[in-house]
């Protein structure tokens, strides 16, 4: 599902106009981004959690050439699935 398709689905299910659904989705993304930048977890009970993590520097492999390259340390976000979503998938 693309962002545009998600906006359309949100608008349809909530009764909002597409522009309102787009603003709501962008606000959500902004809040999750800001929280991750501050090192805070965003937890949505039953759905899942967005957890900021620090990745250590290390070696990676270029899939095309097979050559090893150094990977710098970085920050990223992991998603942990909540119980309700997990049950819905299984």
C-alpha atoms as a PDB file:
ATOM      1  CA  UNK A   1       0.000   0.000   0.000  1.00  0.00           C
ATOM      2  CA  UNK A   2       1.388   3.389  -0.971  1.00  0.00           C
ATOM      3  CA  UNK A   3       1.031   6.574   1.047  1.00  0.00           C
ATOM      4  CA  UNK A   4      -1.676   7.821  -1.350  1.00  0.00           C
ATOM      5  CA  UNK A   5      -3.597   4.550  -1.014  1.00  0.00           C
ATOM      6  CA  UNK A   6      -3.294   4.733   2.774  1.00  0.00           C
ATOM      7  CA  UNK A   7      -4.622   8.297   2.774  1.00  0.00           C
ATOM      8  CA  UNK A   8      -7.597   7.213   0.652  1.00  0.00           C
ATOM      9  CA  UNK A   9      -8.302   4.263   2.976  1.00  0.00           C
ATOM     10  CA  UNK A  10      -8.109   6.466   6.076  1.00  0.00           C
ATOM     11  CA  UNK A  11     -10.442   9.016   4.498  1.00  0.00           C
ATOM     12  CA  UNK A  12     -12.946   6.324   3.518  1.00  0.00           C
ATOM     13  CA  UNK A  13     -12.972   4.556   6.910  1.00  0.00           C
ATOM     14  CA  UNK A  14     -13.023   7.711   9.028  1.00  0.00           C
ATOM     15  CA  UNK A  15     -15.326   9.894   6.956  1.00  0.00           C
ATOM     16  CA  UNK A  16     -12.651  12.580   6.679  1.00  0.00           C
ATOM     17  CA  UNK A  17     -11.827  14.432   3.503  1.00  0.00           C
ATOM     18  CA  UNK A  18      -8.632  13.241   1.800  1.00  0.00           C
ATOM     19  CA  UNK A  19      -6.807  16.476   2.672  1.00  0.00           C
ATOM     20  CA  UNK A  20      -7.707  15.975   6.356  1.00  0.00           C
ATOM     21  CA  UNK A  21      -6.586  12.351   6.241  1.00  0.00           C
ATOM     22  CA  UNK A  22      -3.311  13.430   4.618  1.00  0.00           C
ATOM     23  CA  UNK A  23      -2.731  16.055   7.322  1.00  0.00           C
ATOM     24  CA  UNK A  24      -3.484  13.499  10.055  1.00  0.00           C
ATOM     25  CA  UNK A  25      -1.091  10.943   8.558  1.00  0.00           C
ATOM     26  CA  UNK A  26       1.652  13.539   8.126  1.00  0.00           C
ATOM     27  CA  UNK A  27       1.138  14.693  11.726  1.00  0.00           C
ATOM     28  CA  UNK A  28       1.467  11.085  12.915  1.00  0.00           C
ATOM     29  CA  UNK A  29       4.654  10.583  10.892  1.00  0.00           C
ATOM     30  CA  UNK A  30       6.041  13.862  12.233  1.00  0.00           C
ATOM     31  CA  UNK A  31       5.315  12.887  15.831  1.00  0.00           C
ATOM     32  CA  UNK A  32       6.947   9.467  15.428  1.00  0.00           C
ATOM     33  CA  UNK A  33       9.987  11.070  13.762  1.00  0.00           C
ATOM     34  CA  UNK A  34      10.397  13.694  16.492  1.00  0.00           C
ATOM     35  CA  UNK A  35      10.016  11.087  19.204  1.00  0.00           C
ATOM     36  CA  UNK A  36      12.640   8.838  17.566  1.00  0.00           C
ATOM     37  CA  UNK A  37      15.034  11.780  17.219  1.00  0.00           C
ATOM     38  CA  UNK A  38      14.656  12.367  20.957  1.00  0.00           C
ATOM     39  CA  UNK A  39      15.331   8.684  21.661  1.00  0.00           C
ATOM     40  CA  UNK A  40      11.778   7.973  22.848  1.00  0.00           C
ATOM     41  CA  UNK A  41       9.656   4.962  21.978  1.00  0.00           C
ATOM     42  CA  UNK A  42       6.191   5.392  20.459  1.00  0.00           C
ATOM     43  CA  UNK A  43       3.876   2.667  21.740  1.00  0.00           C
ATOM     44  CA  UNK A  44       0.418   2.059  20.276  1.00  0.00           C
ATOM     45  CA  UNK A  45      -1.199  -0.588  22.461  1.00  0.00           C
ATOM     46  CA  UNK A  46      -2.383  -3.568  20.419  1.00  0.00           C
ATOM     47  CA  UNK A  47      -0.698  -2.359  17.220  1.00  0.00           C
ATOM     48  CA  UNK A  48       2.998  -2.098  17.993  1.00  0.00           C
ATOM     49  CA  UNK A  49       5.919   0.083  19.017  1.00  0.00           C
ATOM     50  CA  UNK A  50       8.399   2.209  17.101  1.00  0.00           C
ATOM     51  CA  UNK A  51      11.674   1.811  18.987  1.00  0.00           C
ATOM     52  CA  UNK A  52      14.788   3.908  18.245  1.00  0.00           C
ATOM     53  CA  UNK A  53      18.028   1.892  18.239  1.00  0.00           C
ATOM     54  CA  UNK A  54      21.707   2.637  17.720  1.00  0.00           C
ATOM     55  CA  UNK A  55      23.495   0.468  15.171  1.00  0.00           C
ATOM     56  CA  UNK A  56      27.173  -0.135  15.795  1.00  0.00           C
ATOM     57  CA  UNK A  57      29.758   0.325  13.086  1.00  0.00           C
ATOM     58  CA  UNK A  58      30.767  -2.886  11.409  1.00  0.00           C
ATOM     59  CA  UNK A  59      31.377  -4.741   8.201  1.00  0.00           C
ATOM     60  CA  UNK A  60      28.761  -5.214   5.512  1.00  0.00           C
ATOM     61  CA  UNK A  61      28.855  -6.976   2.168  1.00  0.00           C
ATOM     62  CA  UNK A  62      28.084  -5.389  -1.196  1.00  0.00           C
ATOM     63  CA  UNK A  63      25.510  -7.772  -2.718  1.00  0.00           C
ATOM     64  CA  UNK A  64      26.605  -7.055  -6.301  1.00  0.00           C
ATOM     65  CA  UNK A  65      30.335  -7.492  -5.920  1.00  0.00           C
ATOM     66  CA  UNK A  66      30.571  -9.478  -2.703  1.00  0.00           C
ATOM     67  CA  UNK A  67      33.211  -7.031  -1.434  1.00  0.00           C
ATOM     68  CA  UNK A  68      33.229  -6.154   2.244  1.00  0.00           C
ATOM     69  CA  UNK A  69      32.693  -2.499   3.108  1.00  0.00           C
ATOM     70  CA  UNK A  70      32.794  -0.637   6.401  1.00  0.00           C
ATOM     71  CA  UNK A  71      29.437   0.483   7.685  1.00  0.00           C
ATOM     72  CA  UNK A  72      29.360   3.570   9.880  1.00  0.00           C
ATOM     73  CA  UNK A  73      27.441   3.660  13.150  1.00  0.00           C
ATOM     74  CA  UNK A  74      23.915   4.989  12.693  1.00  0.00           C
ATOM     75  CA  UNK A  75      20.530   5.402  14.316  1.00  0.00           C
ATOM     76  CA  UNK A  76      17.417   3.652  13.062  1.00  0.00           C
ATOM     77  CA  UNK A  77      13.929   2.685  14.191  1.00  0.00           C
ATOM     78  CA  UNK A  78      12.609  -0.831  14.630  1.00  0.00           C
ATOM     79  CA  UNK A  79       8.967  -1.823  14.759  1.00  0.00           C
ATOM     80  CA  UNK A  80       7.796  -4.367  17.303  1.00  0.00           C
ATOM     81  CA  UNK A  81       4.450  -5.932  16.468  1.00  0.00           C
ATOM     82  CA  UNK A  82       1.697  -5.700  19.096  1.00  0.00           C
ATOM     83  CA  UNK A  83      -0.442  -8.628  20.200  1.00  0.00           C
ATOM     84  CA  UNK A  84      -3.637  -7.612  18.357  1.00  0.00           C
ATOM     85  CA  UNK A  85      -1.819  -7.136  15.054  1.00  0.00           C
ATOM     86  CA  UNK A  86       0.082 -10.395  15.515  1.00  0.00           C
ATOM     87  CA  UNK A  87      -3.149 -12.282  16.174  1.00  0.00           C
ATOM     88  CA  UNK A  88      -4.811 -10.704  13.132  1.00  0.00           C
ATOM     89  CA  UNK A  89      -1.974 -11.951  10.927  1.00  0.00           C
ATOM     90  CA  UNK A  90      -1.954 -15.522  12.239  1.00  0.00           C
END
